[in-house]
C-alpha atoms as a PDB file:
ATOM      1  CA  UNK A   1       0.000   0.000   0.000  1.00  0.00           C
ATOM      2  CA  UNK A   2       2.827   2.372   0.907  1.00  0.00           C
ATOM      3  CA  UNK A   3       4.663   1.603  -2.343  1.00  0.00           C
ATOM      4  CA  UNK A   4       1.494   2.258  -4.367  1.00  0.00           C
ATOM      5  CA  UNK A   5       0.852   5.565  -2.602  1.00  0.00           C
ATOM      6  CA  UNK A   6       4.492   6.558  -3.092  1.00  0.00           C
ATOM      7  CA  UNK A   7       4.307   5.818  -6.821  1.00  0.00           C
ATOM      8  CA  UNK A   8       1.116   7.869  -7.180  1.00  0.00           C
ATOM      9  CA  UNK A   9       2.916  10.727  -5.462  1.00  0.00           C
ATOM     10  CA  UNK A  10       6.100  10.360  -7.519  1.00  0.00           C
ATOM     11  CA  UNK A  11       4.539  10.190 -10.959  1.00  0.00           C
ATOM     12  CA  UNK A  12       3.100  13.651 -10.538  1.00  0.00           C
ATOM     13  CA  UNK A  13       6.448  15.259  -9.676  1.00  0.00           C
ATOM     14  CA  UNK A  14       8.400  16.932 -12.468  1.00  0.00           C
ATOM     15  CA  UNK A  15      11.620  16.651 -10.461  1.00  0.00           C
ATOM     16  CA  UNK A  16      11.226  12.869 -10.329  1.00  0.00           C
ATOM     17  CA  UNK A  17      10.896  12.490 -14.100  1.00  0.00           C
ATOM     18  CA  UNK A  18      13.703  14.955 -14.824  1.00  0.00           C
ATOM     19  CA  UNK A  19      16.203  13.333 -12.449  1.00  0.00           C
ATOM     20  CA  UNK A  20      15.172   9.837 -13.566  1.00  0.00           C
ATOM     21  CA  UNK A  21      15.701  10.807 -17.231  1.00  0.00           C
ATOM     22  CA  UNK A  22      19.170  12.225 -16.527  1.00  0.00           C
ATOM     23  CA  UNK A  23      20.172   9.119 -14.578  1.00  0.00           C
ATOM     24  CA  UNK A  24      18.789   6.821 -17.259  1.00  0.00           C
ATOM     25  CA  UNK A  25      21.019   8.531 -19.828  1.00  0.00           C
ATOM     26  CA  UNK A  26      24.021   8.362 -17.466  1.00  0.00           C
ATOM     27  CA  UNK A  27      23.503   4.651 -16.793  1.00  0.00           C
ATOM     28  CA  UNK A  28      23.076   3.982 -20.529  1.00  0.00           C
ATOM     29  CA  UNK A  29      26.349   5.814 -21.219  1.00  0.00           C
ATOM     30  CA  UNK A  30      28.107   3.753 -18.569  1.00  0.00           C
ATOM     31  CA  UNK A  31      26.699   0.435 -19.784  1.00  0.00           C
ATOM     32  CA  UNK A  32      26.748   1.046 -23.541  1.00  0.00           C
ATOM     33  CA  UNK A  33      29.205   3.868 -24.334  1.00  0.00           C
ATOM     34  CA  UNK A  34      29.401   2.714 -27.959  1.00  0.00           C
ATOM     35  CA  UNK A  35      25.836   3.927 -28.489  1.00  0.00           C
ATOM     36  CA  UNK A  36      26.879   7.492 -27.699  1.00  0.00           C
ATOM     37  CA  UNK A  37      30.499   7.715 -28.902  1.00  0.00           C
ATOM     38  CA  UNK A  38      31.956   6.281 -32.100  1.00  0.00           C
ATOM     39  CA  UNK A  39      35.467   6.097 -30.604  1.00  0.00           C
ATOM     40  CA  UNK A  40      36.775   4.139 -27.651  1.00  0.00           C
ATOM     41  CA  UNK A  41      38.775   5.670 -24.805  1.00  0.00           C
ATOM     42  CA  UNK A  42      42.192   6.902 -25.961  1.00  0.00           C
ATOM     43  CA  UNK A  43      41.421   5.796 -29.527  1.00  0.00           C
ATOM     44  CA  UNK A  44      42.386   7.626 -32.752  1.00  0.00           C
ATOM     45  CA  UNK A  45      44.194  10.395 -30.873  1.00  0.00           C
ATOM     46  CA  UNK A  46      46.185  13.000 -32.829  1.00  0.00           C
ATOM     47  CA  UNK A  47      48.624  15.221 -30.940  1.00  0.00           C
ATOM     48  CA  UNK A  48      48.247  17.862 -33.654  1.00  0.00           C
ATOM     49  CA  UNK A  49      44.700  18.449 -32.365  1.00  0.00           C
ATOM     50  CA  UNK A  50      45.794  18.728 -28.714  1.00  0.00           C
ATOM     51  CA  UNK A  51      43.563  21.005 -26.587  1.00  0.00           C
ATOM     52  CA  UNK A  52      41.611  22.404 -29.514  1.00  0.00           C
ATOM     53  CA  UNK A  53      38.125  23.541 -28.601  1.00  0.00           C
ATOM     54  CA  UNK A  54      34.792  22.427 -30.064  1.00  0.00           C
ATOM     55  CA  UNK A  55      34.983  22.704 -33.819  1.00  0.00           C
ATOM     56  CA  UNK A  56      34.108  20.722 -36.908  1.00  0.00           C
ATOM     57  CA  UNK A  57      33.258  17.137 -36.093  1.00  0.00           C
ATOM     58  CA  UNK A  58      34.487  17.326 -32.480  1.00  0.00           C
ATOM     59  CA  UNK A  59      31.457  18.263 -30.378  1.00  0.00           C
ATOM     60  CA  UNK A  60      33.477  18.826 -27.189  1.00  0.00           C
ATOM     61  CA  UNK A  61      36.847  19.521 -28.810  1.00  0.00           C
ATOM     62  CA  UNK A  62      40.020  17.556 -27.992  1.00  0.00           C
ATOM     63  CA  UNK A  63      41.994  16.716 -24.856  1.00  0.00           C
ATOM     64  CA  UNK A  64      45.743  16.985 -24.216  1.00  0.00           C
ATOM     65  CA  UNK A  65      46.491  13.862 -26.243  1.00  0.00           C
ATOM     66  CA  UNK A  66      44.364  15.017 -29.158  1.00  0.00           C
ATOM     67  CA  UNK A  67      41.593  12.513 -28.358  1.00  0.00           C
ATOM     68  CA  UNK A  68      37.968  13.307 -29.103  1.00  0.00           C
ATOM     69  CA  UNK A  69      36.756  14.854 -25.828  1.00  0.00           C
ATOM     70  CA  UNK A  70      33.118  13.859 -26.253  1.00  0.00           C
ATOM     71  CA  UNK A  71      34.194  10.201 -26.415  1.00  0.00           C
ATOM     72  CA  UNK A  72      36.420  10.666 -23.363  1.00  0.00           C
ATOM     73  CA  UNK A  73      33.610  12.239 -21.330  1.00  0.00           C
ATOM     74  CA  UNK A  74      31.165   9.505 -22.346  1.00  0.00           C
ATOM     75  CA  UNK A  75      33.586   6.735 -21.380  1.00  0.00           C
ATOM     76  CA  UNK A  76      34.363   8.571 -18.130  1.00  0.00           C
ATOM     77  CA  UNK A  77      30.765   7.968 -17.054  1.00  0.00           C
ATOM     78  CA  UNK A  78      31.392   4.274 -16.402  1.00  0.00           C
ATOM     79  CA  UNK A  79      33.852   4.720 -13.540  1.00  0.00           C
ATOM     80  CA  UNK A  80      31.603   7.119 -11.644  1.00  0.00           C
ATOM     81  CA  UNK A  81      28.408   5.095 -12.080  1.00  0.00           C
ATOM     82  CA  UNK A  82      30.040   1.733 -11.346  1.00  0.00           C
ATOM     83  CA  UNK A  83      31.781   2.977  -8.205  1.00  0.00           C
ATOM     84  CA  UNK A  84      28.771   4.980  -6.997  1.00  0.00           C
ATOM     85  CA  UNK A  85      26.231   2.190  -7.428  1.00  0.00           C
ATOM     86  CA  UNK A  86      28.526  -0.662  -6.308  1.00  0.00           C
ATOM     87  CA  UNK A  87      29.680   1.107  -3.148  1.00  0.00           C
ATOM     88  CA  UNK A  88      26.125   2.055  -2.209  1.00  0.00           C
ATOM     89  CA  UNK A  89      24.668  -1.418  -2.818  1.00  0.00           C
ATOM     90  CA  UNK A  90      27.360  -3.250  -0.839  1.00  0.00           C
ATOM     91  CA  UNK A  91      27.340  -0.667   1.959  1.00  0.00           C
ATOM     92  CA  UNK A  92      23.535  -0.890   2.166  1.00  0.00           C
ATOM     93  CA  UNK A  93      23.636  -4.692   2.418  1.00  0.00           C
ATOM     94  CA  UNK A  94      26.200  -4.477   5.228  1.00  0.00           C
ATOM     95  CA  UNK A  95      24.115  -1.831   6.970  1.00  0.00           C
ATOM     96  CA  UNK A  96      20.894  -3.833   6.728  1.00  0.00           C
ATOM     97  CA  UNK A  97      22.564  -6.955   8.121  1.00  0.00           C
ATOM     98  CA  UNK A  98      24.367  -5.232  11.000  1.00  0.00           C
ATOM     99  CA  UNK A  99      21.465  -2.930  11.838  1.00  0.00           C
ATOM    100  CA  UNK A 100      18.989  -5.818  11.814  1.00  0.00           C
ATOM    101  CA  UNK A 101      21.109  -8.044  14.041  1.00  0.00           C
ATOM    102  CA  UNK A 102      22.122  -5.292  16.456  1.00  0.00           C
ATOM    103  CA  UNK A 103      18.698  -3.726  16.709  1.00  0.00           C
ATOM    104  CA  UNK A 104      16.814  -7.002  17.131  1.00  0.00           C
ATOM    105  CA  UNK A 105      19.077  -8.897  19.537  1.00  0.00           C
ATOM    106  CA  UNK A 106      20.543  -5.984  21.501  1.00  0.00           C
ATOM    107  CA  UNK A 107      22.952  -6.874  24.287  1.00  0.00           C
ATOM    108  CA  UNK A 108      26.517  -7.818  23.441  1.00  0.00           C
ATOM    109  CA  UNK A 109      25.862  -8.049  19.692  1.00  0.00           C
ATOM    110  CA  UNK A 110      24.429  -4.532  19.617  1.00  0.00           C
ATOM    111  CA  UNK A 111      27.253  -3.151  21.767  1.00  0.00           C
ATOM    112  CA  UNK A 112      29.963  -4.629  19.531  1.00  0.00           C
ATOM    113  CA  UNK A 113      28.274  -3.433  16.326  1.00  0.00           C
ATOM    114  CA  UNK A 114      27.651   0.046  17.781  1.00  0.00           C
ATOM    115  CA  UNK A 115      31.260   0.487  18.916  1.00  0.00           C
ATOM    116  CA  UNK A 116      32.560  -0.763  15.557  1.00  0.00           C
ATOM    117  CA  UNK A 117      30.244   1.688  13.827  1.00  0.00           C
ATOM    118  CA  UNK A 118      31.522   4.520  16.024  1.00  0.00           C
ATOM    119  CA  UNK A 119      35.128   3.705  15.127  1.00  0.00           C
ATOM    120  CA  UNK A 120      34.499   3.773  11.374  1.00  0.00           C
ATOM    121  CA  UNK A 121      32.162   6.758  11.678  1.00  0.00           C
ATOM    122  CA  UNK A 122      35.037   8.770  13.114  1.00  0.00           C
ATOM    123  CA  UNK A 123      37.156   8.269   9.974  1.00  0.00           C
ATOM    124  CA  UNK A 124      36.598  11.081   7.421  1.00  0.00           C
ATOM    125  CA  UNK A 125      35.312   9.571   4.175  1.00  0.00           C
ATOM    126  CA  UNK A 126      37.615  11.205   1.607  1.00  0.00           C
ATOM    127  CA  UNK A 127      40.610  11.602   3.950  1.00  0.00           C
ATOM    128  CA  UNK A 128      40.432   7.977   5.088  1.00  0.00           C
ATOM    129  CA  UNK A 129      40.147   6.734   1.502  1.00  0.00           C
ATOM    130  CA  UNK A 130      43.088   8.953   0.497  1.00  0.00           C
ATOM    131  CA  UNK A 131      45.333   7.490   3.180  1.00  0.00           C
ATOM    132  CA  UNK A 132      44.500   3.895   2.248  1.00  0.00           C
ATOM    133  CA  UNK A 133      44.802   4.432  -1.497  1.00  0.00           C
ATOM    134  CA  UNK A 134      48.139   6.222  -1.136  1.00  0.00           C
ATOM    135  CA  UNK A 135      49.426   3.287   0.917  1.00  0.00           C
ATOM    136  CA  UNK A 136      48.444   0.873  -1.876  1.00  0.00           C
ATOM    137  CA  UNK A 137      49.255   2.712  -5.125  1.00  0.00           C
ATOM    138  CA  UNK A 138      48.703  -0.252  -7.481  1.00  0.00           C
ATOM    139  CA  UNK A 139      44.915  -0.215  -7.242  1.00  0.00           C
ATOM    140  CA  UNK A 140      42.079  -0.233  -9.727  1.00  0.00           C
ATOM    141  CA  UNK A 141      38.379   0.498  -9.751  1.00  0.00           C
ATOM    142  CA  UNK A 142      37.433  -2.489  -7.582  1.00  0.00           C
ATOM    143  CA  UNK A 143      40.083  -1.745  -4.964  1.00  0.00           C
ATOM    144  CA  UNK A 144      38.706   1.794  -4.740  1.00  0.00           C
ATOM    145  CA  UNK A 145      35.198   0.383  -4.442  1.00  0.00           C
ATOM    146  CA  UNK A 146      36.273  -1.854  -1.550  1.00  0.00           C
ATOM    147  CA  UNK A 147      37.889   1.043   0.302  1.00  0.00           C
ATOM    148  CA  UNK A 148      34.827   3.250  -0.100  1.00  0.00           C
ATOM    149  CA  UNK A 149      32.517   0.433   1.034  1.00  0.00           C
ATOM    150  CA  UNK A 150      34.558  -0.009   4.216  1.00  0.00           C
ATOM    151  CA  UNK A 151      34.146   3.702   4.967  1.00  0.00           C
ATOM    152  CA  UNK A 152      30.585   4.220   3.742  1.00  0.00           C
ATOM    153  CA  UNK A 153      28.277   1.905   5.730  1.00  0.00           C
ATOM    154  CA  UNK A 154      28.109   3.624   9.110  1.00  0.00           C
ATOM    155  CA  UNK A 155      25.287   6.156   8.633  1.00  0.00           C
ATOM    156  CA  UNK A 156      22.918   3.623   7.106  1.00  0.00           C
ATOM    157  CA  UNK A 157      23.737   1.111   9.858  1.00  0.00           C
ATOM    158  CA  UNK A 158      22.778   3.589  12.561  1.00  0.00           C
ATOM    159  CA  UNK A 159      19.559   4.406  10.755  1.00  0.00           C
ATOM    160  CA  UNK A 160      18.685   0.731  10.226  1.00  0.00           C
ATOM    161  CA  UNK A 161      19.374  -0.096  13.865  1.00  0.00           C
ATOM    162  CA  UNK A 162      17.096   2.703  15.043  1.00  0.00           C
ATOM    163  CA  UNK A 163      14.308   1.596  12.704  1.00  0.00           C
ATOM    164  CA  UNK A 164      14.561  -2.020  13.868  1.00  0.00           C
ATOM    165  CA  UNK A 165      14.445  -1.015  17.539  1.00  0.00           C
ATOM    166  CA  UNK A 166      11.308   1.034  16.861  1.00  0.00           C
ATOM    167  CA  UNK A 167       9.552  -1.689  14.851  1.00  0.00           C
ATOM    168  CA  UNK A 168      10.409  -4.811  16.894  1.00  0.00           C
ATOM    169  CA  UNK A 169       8.183  -3.746  19.808  1.00  0.00           C
ATOM    170  CA  UNK A 170       5.119  -3.002  17.682  1.00  0.00           C
ATOM    171  CA  UNK A 171       1.938  -5.001  18.177  1.00  0.00           C
ATOM    172  CA  UNK A 172       2.062  -6.927  14.895  1.00  0.00           C
ATOM    173  CA  UNK A 173       5.563  -8.194  15.711  1.00  0.00           C
ATOM    174  CA  UNK A 174       4.464  -9.212  19.219  1.00  0.00           C
ATOM    175  CA  UNK A 175       1.465 -11.038  17.735  1.00  0.00           C
ATOM    176  CA  UNK A 176       3.679 -12.939  15.287  1.00  0.00           C
ATOM    177  CA  UNK A 177       6.038 -13.876  18.122  1.00  0.00           C
ATOM    178  CA  UNK A 178       3.134 -15.196  20.215  1.00  0.00           C
ATOM    179  CA  UNK A 179       2.042 -17.335  17.256  1.00  0.00           C
ATOM    180  CA  UNK A 180       5.433 -19.044  17.328  1.00  0.00           C
ATOM    181  CA  UNK A 181       7.331 -17.216  14.601  1.00  0.00           C
ATOM    182  CA  UNK A 182      11.089 -17.789  14.764  1.00  0.00           C
ATOM    183  CA  UNK A 183      13.591 -14.964  15.116  1.00  0.00           C
ATOM    184  CA  UNK A 184      14.575 -15.362  11.487  1.00  0.00           C
ATOM    185  CA  UNK A 185      10.973 -15.155  10.297  1.00  0.00           C
ATOM    186  CA  UNK A 186      10.272 -12.159  12.515  1.00  0.00           C
ATOM    187  CA  UNK A 187      13.287 -10.323  11.158  1.00  0.00           C
ATOM    188  CA  UNK A 188      12.837 -11.178   7.478  1.00  0.00           C
ATOM    189  CA  UNK A 189       9.039 -11.158   7.124  1.00  0.00           C
ATOM    190  CA  UNK A 190       7.900  -8.571   9.644  1.00  0.00           C
ATOM    191  CA  UNK A 191      10.680  -6.245  10.804  1.00  0.00           C
ATOM    192  CA  UNK A 192      12.827  -5.839   7.680  1.00  0.00           C
ATOM    193  CA  UNK A 193      10.018  -4.780   5.267  1.00  0.00           C
ATOM    194  CA  UNK A 194       8.825  -2.183   7.775  1.00  0.00           C
ATOM    195  CA  UNK A 195      12.295  -0.826   8.571  1.00  0.00           C
ATOM    196  CA  UNK A 196      14.195  -0.678   5.309  1.00  0.00           C
ATOM    197  CA  UNK A 197      12.431   2.171   3.435  1.00  0.00           C
ATOM    198  CA  UNK A 198      14.369   5.044   5.119  1.00  0.00           C
ATOM    199  CA  UNK A 199      17.627   3.168   4.506  1.00  0.00           C
ATOM    200  CA  UNK A 200      16.838   2.843   0.797  1.00  0.00           C
ATOM    201  CA  UNK A 201      16.171   6.587   0.607  1.00  0.00           C
ATOM    202  CA  UNK A 202      19.485   7.391   2.299  1.00  0.00           C
ATOM    203  CA  UNK A 203      21.199   4.934  -0.056  1.00  0.00           C
ATOM    204  CA  UNK A 204      19.812   6.790  -3.081  1.00  0.00           C
ATOM    205  CA  UNK A 205      21.158  10.042  -1.678  1.00  0.00           C
ATOM    206  CA  UNK A 206      24.444   8.298  -0.912  1.00  0.00           C
ATOM    207  CA  UNK A 207      25.067   7.342  -4.560  1.00  0.00           C
ATOM    208  CA  UNK A 208      25.545  11.002  -5.434  1.00  0.00           C
ATOM    209  CA  UNK A 209      27.876  11.506  -2.479  1.00  0.00           C
ATOM    210  CA  UNK A 210      29.969   8.469  -3.436  1.00  0.00           C
ATOM    211  CA  UNK A 211      30.252   9.648  -7.050  1.00  0.00           C
ATOM    212  CA  UNK A 212      31.418  13.037  -5.803  1.00  0.00           C
ATOM    213  CA  UNK A 213      33.894  11.294  -3.477  1.00  0.00           C
ATOM    214  CA  UNK A 214      35.231   9.096  -6.291  1.00  0.00           C
ATOM    215  CA  UNK A 215      35.706  12.137  -8.524  1.00  0.00           C
ATOM    216  CA  UNK A 216      37.466  13.957  -5.672  1.00  0.00           C
ATOM    217  CA  UNK A 217      39.909  11.075  -5.178  1.00  0.00           C
ATOM    218  CA  UNK A 218      40.628  10.983  -8.907  1.00  0.00           C
ATOM    219  CA  UNK A 219      41.077  14.757  -8.921  1.00  0.00           C
ATOM    220  CA  UNK A 220      43.554  14.534  -6.033  1.00  0.00           C
ATOM    221  CA  UNK A 221      45.556  11.927  -7.947  1.00  0.00           C
ATOM    222  CA  UNK A 222      45.006   9.027  -5.531  1.00  0.00           C
ATOM    223  CA  UNK A 223      42.104   7.351  -7.354  1.00  0.00           C
ATOM    224  CA  UNK A 224      42.101   5.943 -10.855  1.00  0.00           C
ATOM    225  CA  UNK A 225      45.183   6.509 -12.975  1.00  0.00           C
ATOM    226  CA  UNK A 226      45.839   6.891 -16.711  1.00  0.00           C
ATOM    227  CA  UNK A 227      45.005   5.083 -19.020  1.00  0.00           C
ATOM    228  CA  UNK A 228      41.720   4.781 -17.091  1.00  0.00           C
ATOM    229  CA  UNK A 229      39.167   7.429 -17.981  1.00  0.00           C
ATOM    230  CA  UNK A 230      37.001   9.247 -15.440  1.00  0.00           C
ATOM    231  CA  UNK A 231      35.509  12.670 -14.875  1.00  0.00           C
ATOM    232  CA  UNK A 232      37.746  13.244 -11.858  1.00  0.00           C
ATOM    233  CA  UNK A 233      40.889  12.523 -13.880  1.00  0.00           C
ATOM    234  CA  UNK A 234      39.698  14.900 -16.605  1.00  0.00           C
ATOM    235  CA  UNK A 235      39.154  17.648 -14.024  1.00  0.00           C
ATOM    236  CA  UNK A 236      42.608  16.991 -12.576  1.00  0.00           C
ATOM    237  CA  UNK A 237      44.230  17.499 -15.976  1.00  0.00           C
ATOM    238  CA  UNK A 238      42.012  20.441 -16.922  1.00  0.00           C
ATOM    239  CA  UNK A 239      42.834  22.595 -13.895  1.00  0.00           C
ATOM    240  CA  UNK A 240      46.205  23.591 -15.347  1.00  0.00           C
ATOM    241  CA  UNK A 241      44.764  24.664 -18.694  1.00  0.00           C
ATOM    242  CA  UNK A 242      41.405  26.129 -17.661  1.00  0.00           C
ATOM    243  CA  UNK A 243      42.187  29.751 -18.543  1.00  0.00           C
ATOM    244  CA  UNK A 244      43.292  28.968 -22.120  1.00  0.00           C
ATOM    245  CA  UNK A 245      41.153  25.869 -22.752  1.00  0.00           C
ATOM    246  CA  UNK A 246      38.017  26.042 -20.581  1.00  0.00           C
ATOM    247  CA  UNK A 247      36.286  23.220 -22.466  1.00  0.00           C
ATOM    248  CA  UNK A 248      38.614  20.718 -20.779  1.00  0.00           C
ATOM    249  CA  UNK A 249      37.030  21.514 -17.414  1.00  0.00           C
ATOM    250  CA  UNK A 250      33.523  22.635 -18.307  1.00  0.00           C
ATOM    251  CA  UNK A 251      32.216  19.481 -19.986  1.00  0.00           C
ATOM    252  CA  UNK A 252      33.228  16.813 -17.408  1.00  0.00           C
ATOM    253  CA  UNK A 253      32.189  19.203 -14.633  1.00  0.00           C
ATOM    254  CA  UNK A 254      28.723  19.599 -16.179  1.00  0.00           C
ATOM    255  CA  UNK A 255      28.267  15.828 -16.516  1.00  0.00           C
ATOM    256  CA  UNK A 256      29.481  15.212 -12.968  1.00  0.00           C
ATOM    257  CA  UNK A 257      27.279  17.950 -11.500  1.00  0.00           C
ATOM    258  CA  UNK A 258      24.174  16.813 -13.402  1.00  0.00           C
ATOM    259  CA  UNK A 259      24.635  13.202 -12.281  1.00  0.00           C
ATOM    260  CA  UNK A 260      25.258  13.988  -8.617  1.00  0.00           C
ATOM    261  CA  UNK A 261      22.374  16.478  -8.432  1.00  0.00           C
ATOM    262  CA  UNK A 262      20.018  14.015 -10.129  1.00  0.00           C
ATOM    263  CA  UNK A 263      20.747  11.337  -7.527  1.00  0.00           C
ATOM    264  CA  UNK A 264      20.242  13.862  -4.726  1.00  0.00           C
ATOM    265  CA  UNK A 265      16.977  15.193  -6.180  1.00  0.00           C
ATOM    266  CA  UNK A 266      15.679  11.671  -6.804  1.00  0.00           C
ATOM    267  CA  UNK A 267      16.455  10.708  -3.221  1.00  0.00           C
ATOM    268  CA  UNK A 268      14.654  13.816  -1.942  1.00  0.00           C
ATOM    269  CA  UNK A 269      11.443  13.195  -3.875  1.00  0.00           C
ATOM    270  CA  UNK A 270      11.420   9.486  -2.957  1.00  0.00           C
ATOM    271  CA  UNK A 271      11.863  10.408   0.709  1.00  0.00           C
ATOM    272  CA  UNK A 272       8.955  12.845   0.505  1.00  0.00           C
ATOM    273  CA  UNK A 273       6.795  10.207  -1.198  1.00  0.00           C
ATOM    274  CA  UNK A 274       7.579   7.486   1.364  1.00  0.00           C
ATOM    275  CA  UNK A 275       7.044   9.701   4.410  1.00  0.00           C
ATOM    276  CA  UNK A 276       3.412  10.917   4.607  1.00  0.00           C
ATOM    277  CA  UNK A 277       4.432  13.551   7.178  1.00  0.00           C
ATOM    278  CA  UNK A 278       6.428  15.391   4.494  1.00  0.00           C
ATOM    279  CA  UNK A 279       3.608  15.577   1.913  1.00  0.00           C
END
């Protein structure tokens, strides 16, 4: 019933359709870049065209290596989307598991999970990832994903734990327990479905934050490295040449900003739709 009411609320919101359309295009670019760019990353580059602006057949101009910049920006979408979605999904699964166990059982299990959460919560997201990635320089996209997962589950775990504590003492859970339902059935069939909605909303908002964090790490030079292609790497290179060649910074920045804002706006409207108090 809640999902149906939320959908009825969402489908009438312009912000929902706009952000969903932008994200659909971004995901399509990440999954099928060949549909949007006729060249692969670092393909058919000509140093004679280095840093030239939009002209002729080059919609976004050329980068430092003389590569078609539109193709580079399109292929740069994959790193941001893959890292953002992967980190959020894995962090959400960890959060649901830990929050469900800690909130339901309490006692020693809850104390251990809460203290572990406090320890990781005290580590700054970007700074902590920077330290780890600098210590292990030979890393790729999946190593970065693992590091960001280890640093990105704490907020959702706290939220999930609080939701479980609030739901487990409700009358329908007590009735199911009196009828002989096992702990596993109580958690999976009764508590989890009534606790997870706020966590999903925070996860949607978190995708945008993770993408921004991934781009920041690339920009600082501790994330992905050439010949990988990402928006953060493009911004890192463009900062030196912005005054003379602004297209090198403007185009990846626009794509990054549009993607992050779309995830944030989508999370906001979904939160409003799922919480009747905000309508």
